[in-house]
Amino acid sequence: MKYPTRLSDAVHILAFIALYPDCDLTSNKLAESIQTNPAYVRQLMSALRKGGLLVSVKGHPRPALAREPEKITLLDAYRAVEGNKPLLHQDIHT
């Protein structure tokens, strides 16, 4: 069974940006740190941007958090990448 990693990957991206605010954080560098591909990182960053957690400009590798890190909750990150899906997976067959 494959477990979803979108939330943990999104939190990793947010933490990486908070820890290295002055670095050029390209999607390639972020993908290396998560051990995934840059296209997936760009999708997550787009979701985080639309969720109001990230500020970035296409073509410039300097993403920034839209809020102070202590004001971003796991629920904020979850809602940004998963939308309004239920928080827990329910097995309808049991």
PDB file of N, CA and C in Angstrom:
ATOM      1  N   MET A   1       0.840  -1.175   0.000  1.00  0.00           N
ATOM      2  CA  MET A   1       0.000   0.000   0.000  1.00  0.00           C
ATOM      3  C   MET A   1       0.890   1.245   0.000  1.00  0.00           C
ATOM      4  N   LYS A   2       0.605   2.159  -0.893  1.00  0.00           N
ATOM      5  CA  LYS A   2       1.366   3.400  -0.956  1.00  0.00           C
ATOM      6  C   LYS A   2       0.681   4.450  -0.086  1.00  0.00           C
ATOM      7  N   TYR A   3       1.452   5.102   0.754  1.00  0.00           N
ATOM      8  CA  TYR A   3       0.902   6.113   1.638  1.00  0.00           C
ATOM      9  C   TYR A   3       1.078   7.489   1.012  1.00  0.00           C
ATOM     10  N   PRO A   4       0.092   8.371   1.164  1.00  0.00           N
ATOM     11  CA  PRO A   4       0.211   9.717   0.597  1.00  0.00           C
ATOM     12  C   PRO A   4       1.281  10.521   1.336  1.00  0.00           C
ATOM     13  N   THR A   5       2.037  11.279   0.582  1.00  0.00           N
ATOM     14  CA  THR A   5       3.117  12.068   1.181  1.00  0.00           C
ATOM     15  C   THR A   5       2.985  13.561   0.889  1.00  0.00           C
ATOM     16  N   ARG A   6       1.898  13.972   0.281  1.00  0.00           N
ATOM     17  CA  ARG A   6       1.752  15.379  -0.099  1.00  0.00           C
ATOM     18  C   ARG A   6       1.897  16.321   1.100  1.00  0.00           C
ATOM     19  N   LEU A   7       1.252  15.987   2.207  1.00  0.00           N
ATOM     20  CA  LEU A   7       1.318  16.865   3.373  1.00  0.00           C
ATOM     21  C   LEU A   7       2.735  16.942   3.922  1.00  0.00           C
ATOM     22  N   SER A   8       3.379  15.795   4.106  1.00  0.00           N
ATOM     23  CA  SER A   8       4.736  15.826   4.671  1.00  0.00           C
ATOM     24  C   SER A   8       5.707  16.507   3.706  1.00  0.00           C
ATOM     25  N   ASP A   9       5.518  16.326   2.411  1.00  0.00           N
ATOM     26  CA  ASP A   9       6.384  17.001   1.441  1.00  0.00           C
ATOM     27  C   ASP A   9       6.149  18.513   1.460  1.00  0.00           C
ATOM     28  N   ALA A  10       4.896  18.923   1.586  1.00  0.00           N
ATOM     29  CA  ALA A  10       4.582  20.351   1.659  1.00  0.00           C
ATOM     30  C   ALA A  10       5.178  20.980   2.923  1.00  0.00           C
ATOM     31  N   VAL A  11       5.071  20.285   4.032  1.00  0.00           N
ATOM     32  CA  VAL A  11       5.649  20.792   5.293  1.00  0.00           C
ATOM     33  C   VAL A  11       7.169  20.861   5.168  1.00  0.00           C
ATOM     34  N   HIS A  12       7.768  19.887   4.523  1.00  0.00           N
ATOM     35  CA  HIS A  12       9.210  19.902   4.288  1.00  0.00           C
ATOM     36  C   HIS A  12       9.600  21.147   3.493  1.00  0.00           C
ATOM     37  N   ILE A  13       8.852  21.450   2.446  1.00  0.00           N
ATOM     38  CA  ILE A  13       9.137  22.629   1.623  1.00  0.00           C
ATOM     39  C   ILE A  13       9.012  23.897   2.464  1.00  0.00           C
ATOM     40  N   LEU A  14       7.953  24.011   3.240  1.00  0.00           N
ATOM     41  CA  LEU A  14       7.768  25.197   4.087  1.00  0.00           C
ATOM     42  C   LEU A  14       8.900  25.334   5.101  1.00  0.00           C
ATOM     43  N   ALA A  15       9.288  24.227   5.709  1.00  0.00           N
ATOM     44  CA  ALA A  15      10.377  24.263   6.695  1.00  0.00           C
ATOM     45  C   ALA A  15      11.697  24.641   6.037  1.00  0.00           C
ATOM     46  N   PHE A  16      11.966  24.092   4.872  1.00  0.00           N
ATOM     47  CA  PHE A  16      13.205  24.383   4.161  1.00  0.00           C
ATOM     48  C   PHE A  16      13.285  25.871   3.824  1.00  0.00           C
ATOM     49  N   ILE A  17      12.168  26.439   3.381  1.00  0.00           N
ATOM     50  CA  ILE A  17      12.128  27.863   3.050  1.00  0.00           C
ATOM     51  C   ILE A  17      12.318  28.707   4.308  1.00  0.00           C
ATOM     52  N   ALA A  18      11.713  28.294   5.417  1.00  0.00           N
ATOM     53  CA  ALA A  18      11.869  29.032   6.674  1.00  0.00           C
ATOM     54  C   ALA A  18      13.304  28.978   7.181  1.00  0.00           C
ATOM     55  N   LEU A  19      13.975  27.833   7.012  1.00  0.00           N
ATOM     56  CA  LEU A  19      15.343  27.674   7.507  1.00  0.00           C
ATOM     57  C   LEU A  19      16.384  28.357   6.628  1.00  0.00           C
ATOM     58  N   TYR A  20      16.092  28.485   5.334  1.00  0.00           N
ATOM     59  CA  TYR A  20      17.062  29.064   4.391  1.00  0.00           C
ATOM     60  C   TYR A  20      16.421  30.184   3.586  1.00  0.00           C
ATOM     61  N   PRO A  21      16.007  31.264   4.248  1.00  0.00           N
ATOM     62  CA  PRO A  21      15.265  32.317   3.551  1.00  0.00           C
ATOM     63  C   PRO A  21      16.097  33.097   2.522  1.00  0.00           C
ATOM     64  N   ASP A  22      17.394  33.127   2.659  1.00  0.00           N
ATOM     65  CA  ASP A  22      18.225  33.921   1.762  1.00  0.00           C
ATOM     66  C   ASP A  22      18.883  33.104   0.653  1.00  0.00           C
ATOM     67  N   CYS A  23      18.557  31.832   0.558  1.00  0.00           N
ATOM     68  CA  CYS A  23      19.143  30.962  -0.470  1.00  0.00           C
ATOM     69  C   CYS A  23      18.293  30.975  -1.733  1.00  0.00           C
ATOM     70  N   ASP A  24      18.947  30.669  -2.840  1.00  0.00           N
ATOM     71  CA  ASP A  24      18.220  30.455  -4.085  1.00  0.00           C
ATOM     72  C   ASP A  24      17.641  29.046  -4.032  1.00  0.00           C
ATOM     73  N   LEU A  25      16.379  28.953  -3.722  1.00  0.00           N
ATOM     74  CA  LEU A  25      15.745  27.645  -3.568  1.00  0.00           C
ATOM     75  C   LEU A  25      14.957  27.303  -4.826  1.00  0.00           C
ATOM     76  N   THR A  26      15.646  26.706  -5.761  1.00  0.00           N
ATOM     77  CA  THR A  26      14.984  26.273  -6.986  1.00  0.00           C
ATOM     78  C   THR A  26      14.180  25.011  -6.700  1.00  0.00           C
ATOM     79  N   SER A  27      13.278  24.698  -7.600  1.00  0.00           N
ATOM     80  CA  SER A  27      12.511  23.457  -7.437  1.00  0.00           C
ATOM     81  C   SER A  27      13.446  22.254  -7.517  1.00  0.00           C
ATOM     82  N   ASN A  28      14.555  22.391  -8.240  1.00  0.00           N
ATOM     83  CA  ASN A  28      15.540  21.296  -8.298  1.00  0.00           C
ATOM     84  C   ASN A  28      16.164  21.051  -6.930  1.00  0.00           C
ATOM     85  N   LYS A  29      16.551  22.132  -6.238  1.00  0.00           N
ATOM     86  CA  LYS A  29      17.162  21.980  -4.909  1.00  0.00           C
ATOM     87  C   LYS A  29      16.159  21.409  -3.911  1.00  0.00           C
ATOM     88  N   LEU A  30      14.945  21.903  -3.958  1.00  0.00           N
ATOM     89  CA  LEU A  30      13.922  21.398  -3.042  1.00  0.00           C
ATOM     90  C   LEU A  30      13.603  19.941  -3.349  1.00  0.00           C
ATOM     91  N   ALA A  31      13.557  19.589  -4.631  1.00  0.00           N
ATOM     92  CA  ALA A  31      13.288  18.206  -5.024  1.00  0.00           C
ATOM     93  C   ALA A  31      14.394  17.272  -4.542  1.00  0.00           C
ATOM     94  N   GLU A  32      15.635  17.725  -4.613  1.00  0.00           N
ATOM     95  CA  GLU A  32      16.757  16.928  -4.098  1.00  0.00           C
ATOM     96  C   GLU A  32      16.583  16.643  -2.617  1.00  0.00           C
ATOM     97  N   SER A  33      16.155  17.652  -1.867  1.00  0.00           N
ATOM     98  CA  SER A  33      16.029  17.481  -0.422  1.00  0.00           C
ATOM     99  C   SER A  33      14.894  16.524  -0.060  1.00  0.00           C
ATOM    100  N   ILE A  34      13.875  16.433  -0.912  1.00  0.00           N
ATOM    101  CA  ILE A  34      12.749  15.524  -0.662  1.00  0.00           C
ATOM    102  C   ILE A  34      12.962  14.186  -1.371  1.00  0.00           C
ATOM    103  N   GLN A  35      13.904  14.154  -2.275  1.00  0.00           N
ATOM    104  CA  GLN A  35      14.193  12.981  -3.106  1.00  0.00           C
ATOM    105  C   GLN A  35      13.008  12.660  -4.014  1.00  0.00           C
ATOM    106  N   THR A  36      12.611  13.674  -4.774  1.00  0.00           N
ATOM    107  CA  THR A  36      11.517  13.539  -5.730  1.00  0.00           C
ATOM    108  C   THR A  36      11.860  14.346  -6.968  1.00  0.00           C
ATOM    109  N   ASN A  37      10.900  14.566  -7.839  1.00  0.00           N
ATOM    110  CA  ASN A  37      11.199  15.319  -9.052  1.00  0.00           C
ATOM    111  C   ASN A  37      10.724  16.767  -8.933  1.00  0.00           C
ATOM    112  N   PRO A  38      11.380  17.674  -9.657  1.00  0.00           N
ATOM    113  CA  PRO A  38      11.071  19.106  -9.567  1.00  0.00           C
ATOM    114  C   PRO A  38       9.642  19.459  -9.980  1.00  0.00           C
ATOM    115  N   ALA A  39       9.065  18.725 -10.926  1.00  0.00           N
ATOM    116  CA  ALA A  39       7.692  19.029 -11.355  1.00  0.00           C
ATOM    117  C   ALA A  39       6.713  18.849 -10.198  1.00  0.00           C
ATOM    118  N   TYR A  40       6.913  17.812  -9.418  1.00  0.00           N
ATOM    119  CA  TYR A  40       6.067  17.557  -8.242  1.00  0.00           C
ATOM    120  C   TYR A  40       6.224  18.699  -7.228  1.00  0.00           C
ATOM    121  N   VAL A  41       7.451  19.161  -7.022  1.00  0.00           N
ATOM    122  CA  VAL A  41       7.704  20.268  -6.095  1.00  0.00           C
ATOM    123  C   VAL A  41       7.002  21.526  -6.591  1.00  0.00           C
ATOM    124  N   ARG A  42       7.067  21.789  -7.893  1.00  0.00           N
ATOM    125  CA  ARG A  42       6.388  22.963  -8.442  1.00  0.00           C
ATOM    126  C   ARG A  42       4.873  22.874  -8.233  1.00  0.00           C
ATOM    127  N   GLN A  43       4.302  21.679  -8.368  1.00  0.00           N
ATOM    128  CA  GLN A  43       2.866  21.501  -8.110  1.00  0.00           C
ATOM    129  C   GLN A  43       2.526  21.813  -6.654  1.00  0.00           C
ATOM    130  N   LEU A  44       3.348  21.303  -5.744  1.00  0.00           N
ATOM    131  CA  LEU A  44       3.113  21.572  -4.325  1.00  0.00           C
ATOM    132  C   LEU A  44       3.271  23.053  -4.010  1.00  0.00           C
ATOM    133  N   MET A  45       4.293  23.668  -4.585  1.00  0.00           N
ATOM    134  CA  MET A  45       4.504  25.097  -4.342  1.00  0.00           C
ATOM    135  C   MET A  45       3.341  25.924  -4.887  1.00  0.00           C
ATOM    136  N   SER A  46       2.798  25.523  -6.008  1.00  0.00           N
ATOM    137  CA  SER A  46       1.630  26.205  -6.565  1.00  0.00           C
ATOM    138  C   SER A  46       0.441  26.090  -5.618  1.00  0.00           C
ATOM    139  N   ALA A  47       0.229  24.897  -5.070  1.00  0.00           N
ATOM    140  CA  ALA A  47      -0.865  24.689  -4.119  1.00  0.00           C
ATOM    141  C   ALA A  47      -0.643  25.522  -2.852  1.00  0.00           C
ATOM    142  N   LEU A  48       0.590  25.576  -2.379  1.00  0.00           N
ATOM    143  CA  LEU A  48       0.902  26.369  -1.185  1.00  0.00           C
ATOM    144  C   LEU A  48       0.716  27.860  -1.457  1.00  0.00           C
ATOM    145  N   ARG A  49       1.056  28.283  -2.663  1.00  0.00           N
ATOM    146  CA  ARG A  49       0.875  29.684  -3.048  1.00  0.00           C
ATOM    147  C   ARG A  49      -0.625  30.012  -3.089  1.00  0.00           C
ATOM    148  N   LYS A  50      -1.412  29.143  -3.728  1.00  0.00           N
ATOM    149  CA  LYS A  50      -2.861  29.358  -3.802  1.00  0.00           C
ATOM    150  C   LYS A  50      -3.510  29.284  -2.430  1.00  0.00           C
ATOM    151  N   GLY A  51      -2.921  28.511  -1.520  1.00  0.00           N
ATOM    152  CA  GLY A  51      -3.419  28.398  -0.151  1.00  0.00           C
ATOM    153  C   GLY A  51      -3.000  29.548   0.755  1.00  0.00           C
ATOM    154  N   GLY A  52      -2.249  30.487   0.211  1.00  0.00           N
ATOM    155  CA  GLY A  52      -1.852  31.663   0.979  1.00  0.00           C
ATOM    156  C   GLY A  52      -0.706  31.439   1.941  1.00  0.00           C
ATOM    157  N   LEU A  53       0.068  30.368   1.735  1.00  0.00           N
ATOM    158  CA  LEU A  53       1.172  30.075   2.648  1.00  0.00           C
ATOM    159  C   LEU A  53       2.530  30.432   2.075  1.00  0.00           C
ATOM    160  N   LEU A  54       2.586  30.655   0.776  1.00  0.00           N
ATOM    161  CA  LEU A  54       3.858  30.856   0.103  1.00  0.00           C
ATOM    162  C   LEU A  54       3.745  32.027  -0.858  1.00  0.00           C
ATOM    163  N   VAL A  55       4.837  32.781  -0.962  1.00  0.00           N
ATOM    164  CA  VAL A  55       4.926  33.869  -1.928  1.00  0.00           C
ATOM    165  C   VAL A  55       6.104  33.548  -2.822  1.00  0.00           C
ATOM    166  N   SER A  56       5.850  33.511  -4.117  1.00  0.00           N
ATOM    167  CA  SER A  56       6.944  33.274  -5.059  1.00  0.00           C
ATOM    168  C   SER A  56       6.579  33.857  -6.409  1.00  0.00           C
ATOM    169  N   VAL A  57       7.610  34.042  -7.212  1.00  0.00           N
ATOM    170  CA  VAL A  57       7.437  34.585  -8.554  1.00  0.00           C
ATOM    171  C   VAL A  57       8.058  33.596  -9.517  1.00  0.00           C
ATOM    172  N   LYS A  58       7.335  33.259 -10.571  1.00  0.00           N
ATOM    173  CA  LYS A  58       7.873  32.315 -11.555  1.00  0.00           C
ATOM    174  C   LYS A  58       9.169  32.862 -12.137  1.00  0.00           C
ATOM    175  N   GLY A  59      10.153  31.980 -12.237  1.00  0.00           N
ATOM    176  CA  GLY A  59      11.435  32.360 -12.806  1.00  0.00           C
ATOM    177  C   GLY A  59      12.434  32.919 -11.807  1.00  0.00           C
ATOM    178  N   HIS A  60      12.013  33.133 -10.576  1.00  0.00           N
ATOM    179  CA  HIS A  60      12.910  33.651  -9.533  1.00  0.00           C
ATOM    180  C   HIS A  60      12.952  32.646  -8.385  1.00  0.00           C
ATOM    181  N   PRO A  61      14.124  32.067  -8.114  1.00  0.00           N
ATOM    182  CA  PRO A  61      14.212  31.004  -7.099  1.00  0.00           C
ATOM    183  C   PRO A  61      14.300  31.522  -5.671  1.00  0.00           C
ATOM    184  N   ARG A  62      13.431  32.438  -5.302  1.00  0.00           N
ATOM    185  CA  ARG A  62      13.438  32.973  -3.944  1.00  0.00           C
ATOM    186  C   ARG A  62      12.048  32.928  -3.319  1.00  0.00           C
ATOM    187  N   PRO A  63      11.526  31.733  -3.092  1.00  0.00           N
ATOM    188  CA  PRO A  63      10.211  31.666  -2.439  1.00  0.00           C
ATOM    189  C   PRO A  63      10.323  32.135  -0.992  1.00  0.00           C
ATOM    190  N   ALA A  64       9.222  32.629  -0.470  1.00  0.00           N
ATOM    191  CA  ALA A  64       9.188  33.086   0.916  1.00  0.00           C
ATOM    192  C   ALA A  64       7.857  32.675   1.531  1.00  0.00           C
ATOM    193  N   LEU A  65       7.854  32.533   2.829  1.00  0.00           N
ATOM    194  CA  LEU A  65       6.615  32.225   3.526  1.00  0.00           C
ATOM    195  C   LEU A  65       5.734  33.465   3.540  1.00  0.00           C
ATOM    196  N   ALA A  66       4.444  33.271   3.370  1.00  0.00           N
ATOM    197  CA  ALA A  66       3.504  34.387   3.370  1.00  0.00           C
ATOM    198  C   ALA A  66       3.200  34.861   4.794  1.00  0.00           C
ATOM    199  N   ARG A  67       3.497  34.008   5.777  1.00  0.00           N
ATOM    200  CA  ARG A  67       3.283  34.334   7.195  1.00  0.00           C
ATOM    201  C   ARG A  67       4.500  33.891   7.984  1.00  0.00           C
ATOM    202  N   GLU A  68       4.549  34.324   9.220  1.00  0.00           N
ATOM    203  CA  GLU A  68       5.591  33.846  10.119  1.00  0.00           C
ATOM    204  C   GLU A  68       5.406  32.340  10.303  1.00  0.00           C
ATOM    205  N   PRO A  69       6.509  31.572  10.391  1.00  0.00           N
ATOM    206  CA  PRO A  69       6.380  30.114  10.518  1.00  0.00           C
ATOM    207  C   PRO A  69       5.503  29.663  11.686  1.00  0.00           C
ATOM    208  N   GLU A  70       5.583  30.351  12.804  1.00  0.00           N
ATOM    209  CA  GLU A  70       4.789  29.941  13.966  1.00  0.00           C
ATOM    210  C   GLU A  70       3.289  30.196  13.778  1.00  0.00           C
ATOM    211  N   LYS A  71       2.923  30.932  12.734  1.00  0.00           N
ATOM    212  CA  LYS A  71       1.505  31.199  12.456  1.00  0.00           C
ATOM    213  C   LYS A  71       0.934  30.246  11.395  1.00  0.00           C
ATOM    214  N   ILE A  72       1.755  29.321  10.903  1.00  0.00           N
ATOM    215  CA  ILE A  72       1.293  28.341   9.916  1.00  0.00           C
ATOM    216  C   ILE A  72       1.066  27.018  10.633  1.00  0.00           C
ATOM    217  N   THR A  73      -0.136  26.507  10.539  1.00  0.00           N
ATOM    218  CA  THR A  73      -0.467  25.250  11.204  1.00  0.00           C
ATOM    219  C   THR A  73      -0.403  24.087  10.208  1.00  0.00           C
ATOM    220  N   LEU A  74      -0.365  22.884  10.740  1.00  0.00           N
ATOM    221  CA  LEU A  74      -0.429  21.706   9.884  1.00  0.00           C
ATOM    222  C   LEU A  74      -1.754  21.661   9.132  1.00  0.00           C
ATOM    223  N   LEU A  75      -2.822  22.109   9.772  1.00  0.00           N
ATOM    224  CA  LEU A  75      -4.115  22.143   9.102  1.00  0.00           C
ATOM    225  C   LEU A  75      -4.085  23.106   7.924  1.00  0.00           C
ATOM    226  N   ASP A  76      -3.400  24.247   8.071  1.00  0.00           N
ATOM    227  CA  ASP A  76      -3.247  25.186   6.950  1.00  0.00           C
ATOM    228  C   ASP A  76      -2.564  24.498   5.774  1.00  0.00           C
ATOM    229  N   ALA A  77      -1.477  23.798   6.065  1.00  0.00           N
ATOM    230  CA  ALA A  77      -0.731  23.105   5.017  1.00  0.00           C
ATOM    231  C   ALA A  77      -1.585  22.006   4.395  1.00  0.00           C
ATOM    232  N   TYR A  78      -2.316  21.269   5.225  1.00  0.00           N
ATOM    233  CA  TYR A  78      -3.184  20.200   4.728  1.00  0.00           C
ATOM    234  C   TYR A  78      -4.244  20.764   3.787  1.00  0.00           C
ATOM    235  N   ARG A  79      -4.903  21.816   4.213  1.00  0.00           N
ATOM    236  CA  ARG A  79      -5.954  22.424   3.390  1.00  0.00           C
ATOM    237  C   ARG A  79      -5.384  22.961   2.077  1.00  0.00           C
ATOM    238  N   ALA A  80      -4.166  23.477   2.107  1.00  0.00           N
ATOM    239  CA  ALA A  80      -3.557  24.009   0.887  1.00  0.00           C
ATOM    240  C   ALA A  80      -3.292  22.910  -0.140  1.00  0.00           C
ATOM    241  N   VAL A  81      -2.802  21.762   0.307  1.00  0.00           N
ATOM    242  CA  VAL A  81      -2.428  20.709  -0.652  1.00  0.00           C
ATOM    243  C   VAL A  81      -3.518  19.674  -0.888  1.00  0.00           C
ATOM    244  N   GLU A  82      -4.441  19.512   0.049  1.00  0.00           N
ATOM    245  CA  GLU A  82      -5.479  18.487  -0.091  1.00  0.00           C
ATOM    246  C   GLU A  82      -6.878  19.058  -0.259  1.00  0.00           C
ATOM    247  N   GLY A  83      -7.042  20.348  -0.069  1.00  0.00           N
ATOM    248  CA  GLY A  83      -8.366  20.940  -0.204  1.00  0.00           C
ATOM    249  C   GLY A  83      -9.265  20.561   0.956  1.00  0.00           C
ATOM    250  N   ASN A  84     -10.494  20.232   0.654  1.00  0.00           N
ATOM    251  CA  ASN A  84     -11.469  19.909   1.705  1.00  0.00           C
ATOM    252  C   ASN A  84     -11.702  18.416   1.865  1.00  0.00           C
ATOM    253  N   LYS A  85     -10.715  17.614   1.489  1.00  0.00           N
ATOM    254  CA  LYS A  85     -10.835  16.167   1.713  1.00  0.00           C
ATOM    255  C   LYS A  85     -10.941  15.907   3.206  1.00  0.00           C
ATOM    256  N   PRO A  86     -11.616  14.835   3.590  1.00  0.00           N
ATOM    257  CA  PRO A  86     -11.654  14.502   5.023  1.00  0.00           C
ATOM    258  C   PRO A  86     -10.234  14.271   5.549  1.00  0.00           C
ATOM    259  N   LEU A  87     -10.011  14.600   6.800  1.00  0.00           N
ATOM    260  CA  LEU A  87      -8.683  14.465   7.389  1.00  0.00           C
ATOM    261  C   LEU A  87      -8.252  13.017   7.536  1.00  0.00           C
ATOM    262  N   LEU A  88      -9.195  12.125   7.736  1.00  0.00           N
ATOM    263  CA  LEU A  88      -8.859  10.726   7.914  1.00  0.00           C
ATOM    264  C   LEU A  88      -9.424   9.905   6.769  1.00  0.00           C
ATOM    265  N   HIS A  89      -8.649   8.963   6.316  1.00  0.00           N
ATOM    266  CA  HIS A  89      -9.128   8.059   5.276  1.00  0.00           C
ATOM    267  C   HIS A  89     -10.072   7.052   5.915  1.00  0.00           C
ATOM    268  N   GLN A  90     -11.217   6.890   5.315  1.00  0.00           N
ATOM    269  CA  GLN A  90     -12.170   5.936   5.844  1.00  0.00           C
ATOM    270  C   GLN A  90     -12.302   4.769   4.880  1.00  0.00           C
ATOM    271  N   ASP A  91     -12.173   3.589   5.401  1.00  0.00           N
ATOM    272  CA  ASP A  91     -12.353   2.389   4.603  1.00  0.00           C
ATOM    273  C   ASP A  91     -13.833   2.032   4.628  1.00  0.00           C
ATOM    274  N   ILE A  92     -14.510   2.202   3.504  1.00  0.00           N
ATOM    275  CA  ILE A  92     -15.952   1.985   3.468  1.00  0.00           C
ATOM    276  C   ILE A  92     -16.323   0.503   3.400  1.00  0.00           C
ATOM    277  N   HIS A  93     -15.326  -0.370   3.310  1.00  0.00           N
ATOM    278  CA  HIS A  93     -15.575  -1.806   3.208  1.00  0.00           C
ATOM    279  C   HIS A  93     -15.487  -2.528   4.544  1.00  0.00           C
ATOM    280  N   THR A  94     -15.216  -1.836   5.613  1.00  0.00           N
ATOM    281  CA  THR A  94     -15.144  -2.510   6.919  1.00  0.00           C
ATOM    282  C   THR A  94     -16.250  -2.021   7.825  1.00  0.00           C
TER     283      THR A  94
END
